[in-house]
Amino acid sequence: MTLRGLIGSNKRRAIFIILLYFIFAVTGSLDQYFFQFAVNGLSVGNLSVYIRWQLIEFIPVVCGVFILPLATYLFNAQIQEYLDQLRGQMVDHFYTENDATVGQMQNYLQSNLDTLTSDFALPWVNVLSNLFIILLSAGVLFSLNWSFVLLTAIFVLIDLSLPKIIARRYMTVRFC
């Protein structure tokens, strides 16, 4: 299984899936962006401004609620189409080589295709969608103030290193 093969099994659908995941990330970023205006309205004591921005913020949230399941469904269809192509190639190989029993072929097809789905295809969609979300969230933070991006990066580094620090701390403590 290759990424090129996964995309190439149906190029139009693959492009549409990427576009849907990008739009999903945009809806999340718009939600974050509009929320600042709602909080600003609330901080000055203007409830009508807060409610108006909350209603405006509701639109991208609802769009995101519908876009993510559609993108996930289409991605699963893309995976299944590609797996059907791979399954056909494997079956052709087994019948031409005639070097395995039916049970071995069945186990090989099932275990390999399950592994390809869970260990290869699904991580790609997670990487893609999270990359879009990170980039657009950084853009929202930049629109507020550049120091927020720096502060967020520092917090991410602390968050990633904290388990290692805690593990070292507890490994050096001796219990009596």
N, C-alpha and C. Protein backbone atom coordinates (compact mmCIF):
# COMPACT_ATOMS: atom_id res chain seq x y z
N MET A 1 0.85 -1.17 0.00
CA MET A 1 0.00 0.00 0.00
C MET A 1 0.89 1.23 0.00
N THR A 2 0.59 2.15 -0.87
CA THR A 2 1.32 3.40 -0.92
C THR A 2 0.33 4.56 -0.88
N LEU A 3 0.82 5.71 -0.47
CA LEU A 3 -0.04 6.89 -0.46
C LEU A 3 -0.46 7.25 -1.87
N ARG A 4 0.45 7.10 -2.81
CA ARG A 4 0.13 7.38 -4.21
C ARG A 4 -0.97 6.44 -4.71
N GLY A 5 -0.88 5.17 -4.33
CA GLY A 5 -1.91 4.22 -4.72
C GLY A 5 -3.25 4.53 -4.08
N LEU A 6 -3.21 4.94 -2.81
CA LEU A 6 -4.44 5.29 -2.10
C LEU A 6 -5.12 6.48 -2.76
N ILE A 7 -4.35 7.49 -3.09
CA ILE A 7 -4.92 8.66 -3.76
C ILE A 7 -5.32 8.32 -5.19
N GLY A 8 -4.50 7.51 -5.86
CA GLY A 8 -4.76 7.18 -7.25
C GLY A 8 -5.95 6.26 -7.49
N SER A 9 -6.45 5.60 -6.44
CA SER A 9 -7.59 4.71 -6.65
C SER A 9 -8.82 5.49 -7.09
N ASN A 10 -8.95 6.73 -6.65
CA ASN A 10 -10.01 7.62 -7.12
C ASN A 10 -9.54 9.04 -6.83
N LYS A 11 -8.91 9.66 -7.82
CA LYS A 11 -8.27 10.96 -7.62
C LYS A 11 -9.26 12.07 -7.28
N ARG A 12 -10.40 12.08 -7.94
CA ARG A 12 -11.39 13.13 -7.66
C ARG A 12 -11.87 13.05 -6.22
N ARG A 13 -12.17 11.84 -5.79
CA ARG A 13 -12.63 11.68 -4.42
C ARG A 13 -11.53 12.06 -3.44
N ALA A 14 -10.28 11.70 -3.74
CA ALA A 14 -9.17 12.03 -2.84
C ALA A 14 -9.01 13.54 -2.72
N ILE A 15 -9.10 14.25 -3.81
CA ILE A 15 -8.99 15.72 -3.77
C ILE A 15 -10.16 16.30 -2.99
N PHE A 16 -11.36 15.75 -3.18
CA PHE A 16 -12.53 16.22 -2.46
C PHE A 16 -12.38 15.95 -0.96
N ILE A 17 -11.82 14.82 -0.60
CA ILE A 17 -11.60 14.49 0.82
C ILE A 17 -10.62 15.48 1.44
N ILE A 18 -9.53 15.76 0.75
CA ILE A 18 -8.54 16.72 1.26
C ILE A 18 -9.20 18.10 1.42
N LEU A 19 -10.00 18.48 0.46
CA LEU A 19 -10.72 19.76 0.53
C LEU A 19 -11.68 19.78 1.71
N LEU A 20 -12.39 18.68 1.94
CA LEU A 20 -13.31 18.62 3.08
C LEU A 20 -12.58 18.73 4.41
N TYR A 21 -11.44 18.05 4.54
CA TYR A 21 -10.68 18.17 5.79
C TYR A 21 -10.12 19.58 5.97
N PHE A 22 -9.77 20.24 4.88
CA PHE A 22 -9.32 21.62 4.97
C PHE A 22 -10.47 22.53 5.40
N ILE A 23 -11.64 22.34 4.81
CA ILE A 23 -12.80 23.15 5.19
C ILE A 23 -13.17 22.90 6.66
N PHE A 24 -13.04 21.64 7.10
CA PHE A 24 -13.30 21.35 8.51
C PHE A 24 -12.34 22.12 9.41
N ALA A 25 -11.07 22.18 9.03
CA ALA A 25 -10.10 22.95 9.82
C ALA A 25 -10.43 24.44 9.79
N VAL A 26 -10.90 24.92 8.64
CA VAL A 26 -11.28 26.33 8.53
C VAL A 26 -12.47 26.63 9.45
N THR A 27 -13.44 25.73 9.51
CA THR A 27 -14.59 25.97 10.38
C THR A 27 -14.17 26.03 11.84
N GLY A 28 -13.23 25.18 12.24
CA GLY A 28 -12.73 25.24 13.61
C GLY A 28 -11.98 26.52 13.89
N SER A 29 -11.21 26.98 12.92
CA SER A 29 -10.46 28.24 13.10
C SER A 29 -11.39 29.44 13.13
N LEU A 30 -12.42 29.42 12.29
CA LEU A 30 -13.40 30.51 12.33
C LEU A 30 -14.12 30.55 13.67
N ASP A 31 -14.40 29.39 14.20
CA ASP A 31 -15.03 29.31 15.51
C ASP A 31 -14.14 29.99 16.55
N GLN A 32 -12.86 29.69 16.53
CA GLN A 32 -11.92 30.32 17.47
C GLN A 32 -11.84 31.82 17.24
N TYR A 33 -11.81 32.21 15.97
CA TYR A 33 -11.66 33.62 15.62
C TYR A 33 -12.88 34.44 16.05
N PHE A 34 -14.08 33.92 15.78
CA PHE A 34 -15.29 34.64 16.13
C PHE A 34 -15.52 34.69 17.64
N PHE A 35 -15.00 33.72 18.34
CA PHE A 35 -15.18 33.69 19.79
C PHE A 35 -14.54 34.88 20.46
N GLN A 36 -13.43 35.38 19.93
CA GLN A 36 -12.77 36.54 20.53
C GLN A 36 -13.67 37.76 20.48
N PHE A 37 -14.44 37.92 19.40
CA PHE A 37 -15.34 39.07 19.30
C PHE A 37 -16.50 38.94 20.28
N ALA A 38 -16.96 37.71 20.48
CA ALA A 38 -18.02 37.48 21.45
C ALA A 38 -17.55 37.82 22.86
N VAL A 39 -16.34 37.38 23.20
CA VAL A 39 -15.80 37.67 24.53
C VAL A 39 -15.56 39.16 24.70
N ASN A 40 -15.09 39.82 23.65
CA ASN A 40 -14.89 41.27 23.73
C ASN A 40 -16.21 41.99 23.99
N GLY A 41 -17.27 41.55 23.33
CA GLY A 41 -18.59 42.15 23.58
C GLY A 41 -19.05 41.92 25.00
N LEU A 42 -18.79 40.74 25.52
CA LEU A 42 -19.19 40.42 26.89
C LEU A 42 -18.35 41.20 27.90
N SER A 43 -17.07 41.39 27.59
CA SER A 43 -16.19 42.10 28.54
C SER A 43 -16.54 43.57 28.69
N VAL A 44 -17.14 44.16 27.66
CA VAL A 44 -17.57 45.56 27.79
C VAL A 44 -19.01 45.67 28.26
N GLY A 45 -19.63 44.52 28.55
CA GLY A 45 -20.98 44.52 29.10
C GLY A 45 -22.08 44.61 28.07
N ASN A 46 -21.77 44.33 26.81
CA ASN A 46 -22.78 44.41 25.76
C ASN A 46 -23.25 43.00 25.42
N LEU A 47 -24.34 42.60 26.02
CA LEU A 47 -24.86 41.24 25.84
C LEU A 47 -25.34 41.00 24.42
N SER A 48 -25.91 42.01 23.77
CA SER A 48 -26.42 41.81 22.41
C SER A 48 -25.28 41.53 21.42
N VAL A 49 -24.13 42.17 21.60
CA VAL A 49 -22.96 41.88 20.75
C VAL A 49 -22.49 40.46 21.00
N TYR A 50 -22.46 40.06 22.25
CA TYR A 50 -22.06 38.69 22.59
C TYR A 50 -22.98 37.67 21.93
N ILE A 51 -24.27 37.87 22.05
CA ILE A 51 -25.24 36.93 21.46
C ILE A 51 -25.12 36.92 19.95
N ARG A 52 -24.94 38.08 19.33
CA ARG A 52 -24.80 38.13 17.87
C ARG A 52 -23.57 37.35 17.41
N TRP A 53 -22.44 37.52 18.10
CA TRP A 53 -21.23 36.78 17.71
C TRP A 53 -21.36 35.29 18.00
N GLN A 54 -22.08 34.95 19.04
CA GLN A 54 -22.32 33.53 19.31
C GLN A 54 -23.17 32.90 18.21
N LEU A 55 -24.15 33.63 17.71
CA LEU A 55 -24.96 33.13 16.60
C LEU A 55 -24.14 33.00 15.31
N ILE A 56 -23.27 33.98 15.08
CA ILE A 56 -22.38 33.91 13.91
C ILE A 56 -21.41 32.75 14.07
N GLU A 57 -20.92 32.55 15.28
CA GLU A 57 -19.99 31.45 15.57
C GLU A 57 -20.66 30.08 15.39
N PHE A 58 -21.94 30.05 15.57
CA PHE A 58 -22.70 28.80 15.46
C PHE A 58 -22.67 28.26 14.03
N ILE A 59 -22.59 29.12 13.03
CA ILE A 59 -22.63 28.70 11.62
C ILE A 59 -21.44 27.80 11.27
N PRO A 60 -20.18 28.20 11.53
CA PRO A 60 -19.08 27.28 11.21
C PRO A 60 -19.10 26.00 12.05
N VAL A 61 -19.60 26.10 13.27
CA VAL A 61 -19.67 24.90 14.11
C VAL A 61 -20.61 23.88 13.48
N VAL A 62 -21.77 24.33 13.04
CA VAL A 62 -22.74 23.42 12.41
C VAL A 62 -22.17 22.86 11.11
N CYS A 63 -21.51 23.71 10.33
CA CYS A 63 -20.89 23.22 9.09
C CYS A 63 -19.85 22.15 9.39
N GLY A 64 -19.05 22.36 10.42
CA GLY A 64 -18.04 21.37 10.80
C GLY A 64 -18.66 20.06 11.25
N VAL A 65 -19.81 20.15 11.92
CA VAL A 65 -20.49 18.95 12.39
C VAL A 65 -20.93 18.08 11.20
N PHE A 66 -21.27 18.70 10.09
CA PHE A 66 -21.69 17.92 8.92
C PHE A 66 -20.52 17.53 8.02
N ILE A 67 -19.50 18.34 7.99
CA ILE A 67 -18.37 18.09 7.08
C ILE A 67 -17.51 16.93 7.55
N LEU A 68 -17.21 16.85 8.84
CA LEU A 68 -16.32 15.79 9.33
C LEU A 68 -16.87 14.39 9.07
N PRO A 69 -18.13 14.08 9.37
CA PRO A 69 -18.63 12.73 9.06
C PRO A 69 -18.63 12.43 7.56
N LEU A 70 -18.92 13.44 6.75
CA LEU A 70 -18.90 13.23 5.29
C LEU A 70 -17.48 12.92 4.83
N ALA A 71 -16.51 13.67 5.32
CA ALA A 71 -15.10 13.42 4.94
C ALA A 71 -14.66 12.04 5.41
N THR A 72 -15.05 11.66 6.61
CA THR A 72 -14.68 10.35 7.14
C THR A 72 -15.31 9.23 6.33
N TYR A 73 -16.58 9.38 5.97
CA TYR A 73 -17.26 8.38 5.15
C TYR A 73 -16.58 8.23 3.79
N LEU A 74 -16.28 9.36 3.16
CA LEU A 74 -15.63 9.30 1.84
C LEU A 74 -14.23 8.72 1.94
N PHE A 75 -13.51 9.02 3.02
CA PHE A 75 -12.18 8.45 3.19
C PHE A 75 -12.26 6.94 3.37
N ASN A 76 -13.23 6.48 4.14
CA ASN A 76 -13.41 5.03 4.29
C ASN A 76 -13.76 4.37 2.96
N ALA A 77 -14.57 5.04 2.14
CA ALA A 77 -14.88 4.51 0.81
C ALA A 77 -13.62 4.46 -0.05
N GLN A 78 -12.76 5.46 0.08
CA GLN A 78 -11.50 5.49 -0.67
C GLN A 78 -10.61 4.32 -0.24
N ILE A 79 -10.54 4.09 1.06
CA ILE A 79 -9.73 2.98 1.58
C ILE A 79 -10.27 1.66 1.05
N GLN A 80 -11.58 1.47 1.10
CA GLN A 80 -12.16 0.20 0.67
C GLN A 80 -11.95 -0.04 -0.82
N GLU A 81 -12.04 1.02 -1.61
CA GLU A 81 -11.81 0.86 -3.05
C GLU A 81 -10.36 0.44 -3.32
N TYR A 82 -9.43 1.06 -2.61
CA TYR A 82 -8.03 0.71 -2.79
C TYR A 82 -7.75 -0.70 -2.28
N LEU A 83 -8.35 -1.07 -1.16
CA LEU A 83 -8.16 -2.42 -0.64
C LEU A 83 -8.74 -3.47 -1.58
N ASP A 84 -9.85 -3.15 -2.24
CA ASP A 84 -10.40 -4.08 -3.23
C ASP A 84 -9.42 -4.30 -4.38
N GLN A 85 -8.75 -3.22 -4.80
CA GLN A 85 -7.74 -3.37 -5.84
C GLN A 85 -6.59 -4.25 -5.36
N LEU A 86 -6.13 -4.00 -4.14
CA LEU A 86 -5.04 -4.81 -3.59
C LEU A 86 -5.46 -6.26 -3.41
N ARG A 87 -6.68 -6.47 -2.95
CA ARG A 87 -7.18 -7.82 -2.76
C ARG A 87 -7.21 -8.58 -4.09
N GLY A 88 -7.64 -7.91 -5.14
CA GLY A 88 -7.65 -8.54 -6.46
C GLY A 88 -6.25 -8.92 -6.91
N GLN A 89 -5.27 -8.05 -6.68
CA GLN A 89 -3.89 -8.35 -7.05
C GLN A 89 -3.35 -9.53 -6.25
N MET A 90 -3.69 -9.58 -4.96
CA MET A 90 -3.21 -10.68 -4.11
C MET A 90 -3.83 -12.01 -4.54
N VAL A 91 -5.11 -11.98 -4.81
CA VAL A 91 -5.78 -13.21 -5.23
C VAL A 91 -5.22 -13.69 -6.55
N ASP A 92 -4.98 -12.78 -7.50
CA ASP A 92 -4.36 -13.17 -8.77
C ASP A 92 -2.99 -13.80 -8.53
N HIS A 93 -2.22 -13.23 -7.63
CA HIS A 93 -0.90 -13.78 -7.31
C HIS A 93 -1.03 -15.19 -6.73
N PHE A 94 -1.97 -15.37 -5.78
CA PHE A 94 -2.14 -16.68 -5.16
C PHE A 94 -2.56 -17.74 -6.18
N TYR A 95 -3.43 -17.37 -7.11
CA TYR A 95 -3.90 -18.35 -8.08
C TYR A 95 -2.85 -18.65 -9.15
N THR A 96 -2.05 -17.66 -9.50
CA THR A 96 -1.01 -17.92 -10.51
C THR A 96 0.16 -18.69 -9.91
N GLU A 97 0.53 -18.36 -8.68
CA GLU A 97 1.65 -19.04 -8.03
C GLU A 97 1.24 -20.39 -7.44
N ASN A 98 -0.01 -20.47 -6.98
CA ASN A 98 -0.57 -21.70 -6.41
C ASN A 98 0.34 -22.26 -5.30
N ASP A 99 0.81 -21.35 -4.43
CA ASP A 99 1.75 -21.76 -3.39
C ASP A 99 1.17 -21.69 -1.97
N ALA A 100 -0.14 -21.54 -1.85
CA ALA A 100 -0.74 -21.45 -0.52
C ALA A 100 -2.10 -22.15 -0.53
N THR A 101 -2.51 -22.59 0.65
CA THR A 101 -3.83 -23.19 0.77
C THR A 101 -4.88 -22.09 0.86
N VAL A 102 -6.12 -22.48 0.75
CA VAL A 102 -7.21 -21.51 0.82
C VAL A 102 -7.22 -20.82 2.19
N GLY A 103 -7.01 -21.59 3.24
CA GLY A 103 -6.98 -21.02 4.59
C GLY A 103 -5.85 -20.03 4.77
N GLN A 104 -4.68 -20.36 4.24
CA GLN A 104 -3.55 -19.44 4.33
C GLN A 104 -3.83 -18.16 3.55
N MET A 105 -4.41 -18.32 2.37
CA MET A 105 -4.75 -17.14 1.57
C MET A 105 -5.75 -16.25 2.32
N GLN A 106 -6.75 -16.87 2.91
CA GLN A 106 -7.78 -16.12 3.62
C GLN A 106 -7.17 -15.38 4.82
N ASN A 107 -6.35 -16.06 5.60
CA ASN A 107 -5.71 -15.41 6.74
C ASN A 107 -4.78 -14.29 6.29
N TYR A 108 -4.03 -14.53 5.23
CA TYR A 108 -3.10 -13.54 4.72
C TYR A 108 -3.85 -12.30 4.24
N LEU A 109 -4.90 -12.51 3.48
CA LEU A 109 -5.68 -11.38 2.97
C LEU A 109 -6.29 -10.58 4.12
N GLN A 110 -6.90 -11.27 5.06
CA GLN A 110 -7.58 -10.57 6.15
C GLN A 110 -6.61 -9.82 7.04
N SER A 111 -5.55 -10.47 7.49
CA SER A 111 -4.63 -9.82 8.43
C SER A 111 -3.86 -8.68 7.77
N ASN A 112 -3.41 -8.88 6.55
CA ASN A 112 -2.65 -7.82 5.88
C ASN A 112 -3.52 -6.61 5.56
N LEU A 113 -4.73 -6.85 5.10
CA LEU A 113 -5.58 -5.73 4.74
C LEU A 113 -6.07 -4.97 5.98
N ASP A 114 -6.31 -5.68 7.07
CA ASP A 114 -6.66 -4.99 8.32
C ASP A 114 -5.49 -4.15 8.81
N THR A 115 -4.29 -4.71 8.73
CA THR A 115 -3.10 -3.99 9.16
C THR A 115 -2.87 -2.77 8.28
N LEU A 116 -3.06 -2.90 6.98
CA LEU A 116 -2.89 -1.75 6.09
C LEU A 116 -3.87 -0.64 6.42
N THR A 117 -5.09 -1.02 6.77
CA THR A 117 -6.09 0.00 7.09
C THR A 117 -5.74 0.71 8.39
N SER A 118 -5.47 -0.05 9.44
CA SER A 118 -5.27 0.57 10.75
C SER A 118 -3.89 1.20 10.92
N ASP A 119 -2.87 0.62 10.32
CA ASP A 119 -1.50 1.12 10.53
C ASP A 119 -1.00 2.04 9.43
N PHE A 120 -1.68 2.09 8.29
CA PHE A 120 -1.20 2.94 7.21
C PHE A 120 -2.20 4.02 6.84
N ALA A 121 -3.39 3.63 6.46
CA ALA A 121 -4.35 4.59 5.91
C ALA A 121 -4.89 5.56 6.96
N LEU A 122 -5.31 5.05 8.09
CA LEU A 122 -5.90 5.92 9.11
C LEU A 122 -4.92 6.94 9.68
N PRO A 123 -3.65 6.60 9.91
CA PRO A 123 -2.72 7.65 10.36
C PRO A 123 -2.54 8.79 9.35
N TRP A 124 -2.64 8.48 8.06
CA TRP A 124 -2.48 9.54 7.06
C TRP A 124 -3.57 10.59 7.19
N VAL A 125 -4.80 10.15 7.40
CA VAL A 125 -5.89 11.12 7.51
C VAL A 125 -5.76 11.92 8.81
N ASN A 126 -5.27 11.30 9.87
CA ASN A 126 -5.05 12.03 11.12
C ASN A 126 -3.96 13.08 10.95
N VAL A 127 -2.90 12.72 10.28
CA VAL A 127 -1.81 13.68 10.04
C VAL A 127 -2.31 14.84 9.21
N LEU A 128 -3.04 14.54 8.15
CA LEU A 128 -3.54 15.59 7.26
C LEU A 128 -4.48 16.55 7.99
N SER A 129 -5.47 16.01 8.67
CA SER A 129 -6.44 16.89 9.32
C SER A 129 -5.80 17.67 10.46
N ASN A 130 -4.93 17.05 11.24
CA ASN A 130 -4.28 17.77 12.34
C ASN A 130 -3.31 18.82 11.83
N LEU A 131 -2.66 18.56 10.70
CA LEU A 131 -1.77 19.57 10.11
C LEU A 131 -2.56 20.81 9.70
N PHE A 132 -3.70 20.60 9.06
CA PHE A 132 -4.55 21.74 8.69
C PHE A 132 -5.00 22.51 9.93
N ILE A 133 -5.41 21.80 10.96
CA ILE A 133 -5.90 22.45 12.17
C ILE A 133 -4.77 23.24 12.84
N ILE A 134 -3.58 22.68 12.91
CA ILE A 134 -2.45 23.37 13.54
C ILE A 134 -2.09 24.63 12.76
N LEU A 135 -2.01 24.52 11.45
CA LEU A 135 -1.64 25.69 10.64
C LEU A 135 -2.67 26.80 10.74
N LEU A 136 -3.94 26.45 10.67
CA LEU A 136 -4.97 27.48 10.74
C LEU A 136 -5.10 28.05 12.15
N SER A 137 -4.90 27.23 13.16
CA SER A 137 -4.93 27.75 14.54
C SER A 137 -3.76 28.71 14.78
N ALA A 138 -2.60 28.38 14.23
CA ALA A 138 -1.47 29.30 14.35
C ALA A 138 -1.78 30.62 13.63
N GLY A 139 -2.49 30.53 12.51
CA GLY A 139 -2.89 31.76 11.82
C GLY A 139 -3.83 32.61 12.66
N VAL A 140 -4.76 31.97 13.35
CA VAL A 140 -5.66 32.70 14.24
C VAL A 140 -4.88 33.34 15.37
N LEU A 141 -3.92 32.61 15.95
CA LEU A 141 -3.12 33.17 17.03
C LEU A 141 -2.28 34.35 16.54
N PHE A 142 -1.74 34.24 15.32
CA PHE A 142 -0.97 35.35 14.75
C PHE A 142 -1.85 36.58 14.56
N SER A 143 -3.12 36.36 14.20
CA SER A 143 -4.01 37.50 14.00
C SER A 143 -4.29 38.22 15.32
N LEU A 144 -4.21 37.50 16.42
CA LEU A 144 -4.40 38.14 17.73
C LEU A 144 -3.12 38.85 18.16
N ASN A 145 -2.04 38.09 18.25
CA ASN A 145 -0.75 38.66 18.62
C ASN A 145 0.30 37.58 18.39
N TRP A 146 1.45 37.96 17.84
CA TRP A 146 2.49 36.98 17.52
C TRP A 146 3.02 36.29 18.77
N SER A 147 2.93 36.96 19.92
CA SER A 147 3.47 36.35 21.14
C SER A 147 2.63 35.14 21.58
N PHE A 148 1.37 35.07 21.17
CA PHE A 148 0.55 33.90 21.50
C PHE A 148 1.10 32.64 20.84
N VAL A 149 1.61 32.79 19.63
CA VAL A 149 2.18 31.63 18.94
C VAL A 149 3.44 31.17 19.66
N LEU A 150 4.26 32.10 20.08
CA LEU A 150 5.46 31.76 20.83
C LEU A 150 5.11 31.10 22.16
N LEU A 151 4.15 31.66 22.86
CA LEU A 151 3.72 31.09 24.14
C LEU A 151 3.13 29.69 23.94
N THR A 152 2.35 29.51 22.90
CA THR A 152 1.79 28.19 22.61
C THR A 152 2.89 27.19 22.30
N ALA A 153 3.89 27.59 21.53
CA ALA A 153 5.01 26.68 21.22
C ALA A 153 5.75 26.29 22.49
N ILE A 154 5.94 27.23 23.41
CA ILE A 154 6.60 26.92 24.68
C ILE A 154 5.77 25.92 25.48
N PHE A 155 4.47 26.15 25.52
CA PHE A 155 3.59 25.22 26.25
C PHE A 155 3.58 23.83 25.62
N VAL A 156 3.65 23.77 24.31
CA VAL A 156 3.70 22.47 23.63
C VAL A 156 4.98 21.73 23.99
N LEU A 157 6.10 22.44 23.99
CA LEU A 157 7.36 21.81 24.38
C LEU A 157 7.33 21.32 25.83
N ILE A 158 6.75 22.12 26.71
CA ILE A 158 6.62 21.69 28.10
C ILE A 158 5.71 20.46 28.19
N ASP A 159 4.62 20.50 27.47
CA ASP A 159 3.67 19.38 27.48
C ASP A 159 4.29 18.10 26.94
N LEU A 160 5.11 18.21 25.92
CA LEU A 160 5.75 17.03 25.36
C LEU A 160 6.89 16.50 26.23
N SER A 161 7.56 17.38 26.96
CA SER A 161 8.69 16.92 27.77
C SER A 161 8.29 16.54 29.19
N LEU A 162 7.11 16.93 29.63
CA LEU A 162 6.68 16.65 31.00
C LEU A 162 6.62 15.16 31.34
N PRO A 163 6.11 14.29 30.49
CA PRO A 163 6.13 12.86 30.84
C PRO A 163 7.53 12.31 31.05
N LYS A 164 8.50 12.75 30.27
CA LYS A 164 9.88 12.29 30.45
C LYS A 164 10.46 12.79 31.77
N ILE A 165 10.16 14.02 32.11
CA ILE A 165 10.66 14.59 33.36
C ILE A 165 10.05 13.85 34.55
N ILE A 166 8.76 13.60 34.49
CA ILE A 166 8.09 12.90 35.58
C ILE A 166 8.58 11.46 35.68
N ALA A 167 8.80 10.81 34.56
CA ALA A 167 9.29 9.43 34.58
C ALA A 167 10.68 9.37 35.22
N ARG A 168 11.55 10.30 34.91
CA ARG A 168 12.88 10.33 35.51
C ARG A 168 12.79 10.60 37.00
N ARG A 169 11.89 11.47 37.39
CA ARG A 169 11.74 11.84 38.80
C ARG A 169 11.31 10.62 39.61
N TYR A 170 10.35 9.87 39.13
CA TYR A 170 9.86 8.73 39.88
C TYR A 170 10.77 7.51 39.77
N MET A 171 11.58 7.46 38.75
CA MET A 171 12.52 6.33 38.64
C MET A 171 13.69 6.50 39.61
N THR A 172 13.99 7.74 40.00
CA THR A 172 15.11 7.95 40.91
C THR A 172 14.68 7.88 42.38
N VAL A 173 13.38 7.97 42.64
CA VAL A 173 12.89 7.88 44.02
C VAL A 173 12.94 6.43 44.46
N ARG A 174 13.49 6.21 45.63
CA ARG A 174 13.59 4.84 46.14
C ARG A 174 12.53 4.64 47.24
N PHE A 175 11.84 3.54 47.11
CA PHE A 175 10.83 3.22 48.11
C PHE A 175 11.41 2.28 49.15
N CYS A 176 11.09 2.49 50.40
CA CYS A 176 11.60 1.64 51.49
C CYS A 176 10.67 0.50 51.79
